[in-house]
Amino acid sequence: MASHVEQAVAARLAAVQARRAQQRQDRAARAARRRAGVDARNRAKLARLATEQPAEAGPANTDGH
């Protein structure tokens, strides 16, 4: 039979492991949201650049500048 001290230590270890597991899950969730946001911003930027490019191209500059 385990002593009350061993039980307390085991409970504390279990609590630490559970907290660390939760922290890992939280970090993974934040990373996924961050990645999704970065991807969305990148897609918006590329779409904006694609619509701006033809307007900025204009006639060819023939004077060399």
N, C-alpha and C. Protein backbone atom coordinates (compact mmCIF):
# COMPACT_ATOMS: atom_id res chain seq x y z
N MET A 1 0.84 -1.17 0.00
CA MET A 1 0.00 0.00 0.00
C MET A 1 0.89 1.24 0.00
N ALA A 2 0.55 2.21 -0.83
CA ALA A 2 1.34 3.42 -0.95
C ALA A 2 1.04 4.36 0.21
N SER A 3 2.06 5.04 0.65
CA SER A 3 1.88 6.00 1.74
C SER A 3 1.19 7.26 1.22
N HIS A 4 0.73 8.07 2.15
CA HIS A 4 0.07 9.31 1.75
C HIS A 4 1.03 10.25 1.04
N VAL A 5 2.31 10.17 1.37
CA VAL A 5 3.31 11.01 0.71
C VAL A 5 3.48 10.57 -0.74
N GLU A 6 3.56 9.27 -0.95
CA GLU A 6 3.70 8.77 -2.32
C GLU A 6 2.47 9.11 -3.14
N GLN A 7 1.31 9.05 -2.52
CA GLN A 7 0.08 9.40 -3.23
C GLN A 7 0.06 10.89 -3.59
N ALA A 8 0.53 11.72 -2.67
CA ALA A 8 0.57 13.16 -2.93
C ALA A 8 1.54 13.47 -4.06
N VAL A 9 2.71 12.82 -4.05
CA VAL A 9 3.69 13.02 -5.11
C VAL A 9 3.13 12.57 -6.45
N ALA A 10 2.48 11.42 -6.46
CA ALA A 10 1.89 10.91 -7.69
C ALA A 10 0.81 11.85 -8.21
N ALA A 11 0.02 12.42 -7.31
CA ALA A 11 -1.03 13.35 -7.71
C ALA A 11 -0.42 14.62 -8.30
N ARG A 12 0.64 15.11 -7.69
CA ARG A 12 1.30 16.31 -8.20
C ARG A 12 1.91 16.06 -9.57
N LEU A 13 2.54 14.89 -9.75
CA LEU A 13 3.12 14.54 -11.05
C LEU A 13 2.03 14.44 -12.12
N ALA A 14 0.92 13.83 -11.76
CA ALA A 14 -0.19 13.70 -12.72
C ALA A 14 -0.72 15.08 -13.09
N ALA A 15 -0.80 15.98 -12.12
CA ALA A 15 -1.29 17.33 -12.40
C ALA A 15 -0.34 18.08 -13.34
N VAL A 16 0.95 17.92 -13.12
CA VAL A 16 1.95 18.57 -13.97
C VAL A 16 1.85 18.02 -15.40
N GLN A 17 1.73 16.71 -15.51
CA GLN A 17 1.63 16.09 -16.84
C GLN A 17 0.37 16.57 -17.56
N ALA A 18 -0.73 16.66 -16.85
CA ALA A 18 -1.98 17.12 -17.46
C ALA A 18 -1.86 18.58 -17.90
N ARG A 19 -1.24 19.40 -17.05
CA ARG A 19 -1.06 20.81 -17.40
C ARG A 19 -0.17 20.96 -18.64
N ARG A 20 0.90 20.21 -18.69
CA ARG A 20 1.80 20.29 -19.85
C ARG A 20 1.11 19.79 -21.12
N ALA A 21 0.31 18.75 -21.01
CA ALA A 21 -0.43 18.26 -22.17
C ALA A 21 -1.40 19.33 -22.67
N GLN A 22 -2.07 20.00 -21.73
CA GLN A 22 -3.00 21.07 -22.11
C GLN A 22 -2.25 22.22 -22.77
N GLN A 23 -1.08 22.56 -22.24
CA GLN A 23 -0.29 23.63 -22.83
C GLN A 23 0.14 23.28 -24.26
N ARG A 24 0.52 22.02 -24.48
CA ARG A 24 0.88 21.58 -25.83
C ARG A 24 -0.30 21.73 -26.78
N GLN A 25 -1.47 21.33 -26.34
CA GLN A 25 -2.67 21.44 -27.17
C GLN A 25 -2.97 22.91 -27.46
N ASP A 26 -2.86 23.76 -26.46
CA ASP A 26 -3.12 25.18 -26.64
C ASP A 26 -2.15 25.80 -27.64
N ARG A 27 -0.86 25.44 -27.51
CA ARG A 27 0.14 25.97 -28.45
C ARG A 27 -0.15 25.50 -29.87
N ALA A 28 -0.53 24.25 -30.02
CA ALA A 28 -0.83 23.73 -31.35
C ALA A 28 -2.05 24.43 -31.95
N ALA A 29 -3.05 24.70 -31.14
CA ALA A 29 -4.25 25.39 -31.62
C ALA A 29 -3.91 26.82 -32.03
N ARG A 30 -3.10 27.51 -31.22
CA ARG A 30 -2.70 28.88 -31.57
C ARG A 30 -1.87 28.88 -32.85
N ALA A 31 -0.98 27.91 -33.00
CA ALA A 31 -0.15 27.84 -34.20
C ALA A 31 -1.02 27.61 -35.43
N ALA A 32 -2.03 26.77 -35.32
CA ALA A 32 -2.92 26.51 -36.45
C ALA A 32 -3.70 27.77 -36.82
N ARG A 33 -4.21 28.49 -35.81
CA ARG A 33 -4.93 29.74 -36.09
C ARG A 33 -4.01 30.78 -36.71
N ARG A 34 -2.80 30.87 -36.19
CA ARG A 34 -1.83 31.83 -36.72
C ARG A 34 -1.51 31.49 -38.18
N ARG A 35 -1.27 30.21 -38.46
CA ARG A 35 -0.96 29.78 -39.82
C ARG A 35 -2.12 30.08 -40.76
N ALA A 36 -3.34 29.85 -40.31
CA ALA A 36 -4.52 30.12 -41.13
C ALA A 36 -4.62 31.62 -41.42
N GLY A 37 -4.33 32.44 -40.42
CA GLY A 37 -4.38 33.88 -40.62
C GLY A 37 -3.31 34.36 -41.58
N VAL A 38 -2.12 33.82 -41.45
CA VAL A 38 -1.02 34.20 -42.36
C VAL A 38 -1.37 33.77 -43.78
N ASP A 39 -1.90 32.57 -43.93
CA ASP A 39 -2.29 32.10 -45.26
C ASP A 39 -3.38 32.98 -45.86
N ALA A 40 -4.36 33.36 -45.05
CA ALA A 40 -5.44 34.21 -45.55
C ALA A 40 -4.90 35.58 -45.98
N ARG A 41 -4.03 36.16 -45.18
CA ARG A 41 -3.43 37.46 -45.54
C ARG A 41 -2.61 37.33 -46.82
N ASN A 42 -1.88 36.23 -46.95
CA ASN A 42 -1.07 36.02 -48.15
C ASN A 42 -1.95 35.88 -49.39
N ARG A 43 -3.04 35.12 -49.27
CA ARG A 43 -3.96 34.99 -50.40
C ARG A 43 -4.57 36.33 -50.78
N ALA A 44 -4.94 37.12 -49.78
CA ALA A 44 -5.53 38.44 -50.05
C ALA A 44 -4.50 39.34 -50.73
N LYS A 45 -3.27 39.30 -50.28
CA LYS A 45 -2.22 40.12 -50.88
C LYS A 45 -1.97 39.71 -52.32
N LEU A 46 -1.90 38.40 -52.56
CA LEU A 46 -1.67 37.93 -53.92
C LEU A 46 -2.83 38.30 -54.84
N ALA A 47 -4.05 38.21 -54.33
CA ALA A 47 -5.22 38.59 -55.12
C ALA A 47 -5.19 40.09 -55.42
N ARG A 48 -4.83 40.89 -54.43
CA ARG A 48 -4.74 42.34 -54.63
C ARG A 48 -3.65 42.67 -55.64
N LEU A 49 -2.50 42.02 -55.53
CA LEU A 49 -1.41 42.27 -56.48
C LEU A 49 -1.80 41.85 -57.89
N ALA A 50 -2.54 40.75 -58.00
CA ALA A 50 -2.96 40.27 -59.32
C ALA A 50 -3.90 41.27 -59.98
N THR A 51 -4.73 41.94 -59.21
CA THR A 51 -5.64 42.93 -59.81
C THR A 51 -4.93 44.25 -60.05
N GLU A 52 -3.89 44.57 -59.30
CA GLU A 52 -3.17 45.82 -59.48
C GLU A 52 -2.16 45.76 -60.61
N GLN A 53 -1.61 44.61 -60.89
CA GLN A 53 -0.54 44.48 -61.89
C GLN A 53 -0.96 45.01 -63.27
N PRO A 54 -2.10 44.59 -63.82
CA PRO A 54 -2.44 45.10 -65.16
C PRO A 54 -2.62 46.62 -65.17
N ALA A 55 -3.14 47.20 -64.12
CA ALA A 55 -3.35 48.64 -64.09
C ALA A 55 -2.01 49.39 -64.02
N GLU A 56 -1.05 48.84 -63.34
CA GLU A 56 0.25 49.50 -63.20
C GLU A 56 1.14 49.29 -64.42
N ALA A 57 0.89 48.24 -65.19
CA ALA A 57 1.75 47.93 -66.33
C ALA A 57 1.68 49.07 -67.35
N GLY A 58 0.49 49.46 -67.75
CA GLY A 58 0.33 50.58 -68.69
C GLY A 58 1.11 50.40 -69.97
N PRO A 59 1.28 51.47 -70.69
CA PRO A 59 2.07 51.38 -71.95
C PRO A 59 3.55 51.21 -71.63
N ALA A 60 4.23 50.60 -72.54
CA ALA A 60 5.66 50.33 -72.35
C ALA A 60 6.43 51.66 -72.33
N ASN A 61 7.39 51.76 -71.45
CA ASN A 61 8.22 52.94 -71.35
C ASN A 61 9.38 52.79 -72.34
N THR A 62 9.44 53.64 -73.35
CA THR A 62 10.44 53.48 -74.40
C THR A 62 11.66 54.38 -74.25
N ASP A 63 11.65 55.28 -73.24
CA ASP A 63 12.80 56.17 -73.09
C ASP A 63 13.92 55.59 -72.23
N GLY A 64 13.77 54.35 -71.79
CA GLY A 64 14.83 53.69 -71.05
C GLY A 64 14.80 53.90 -69.55
N HIS A 65 13.82 54.58 -69.02
CA HIS A 65 13.71 54.81 -67.58
C HIS A 65 12.54 54.11 -67.03
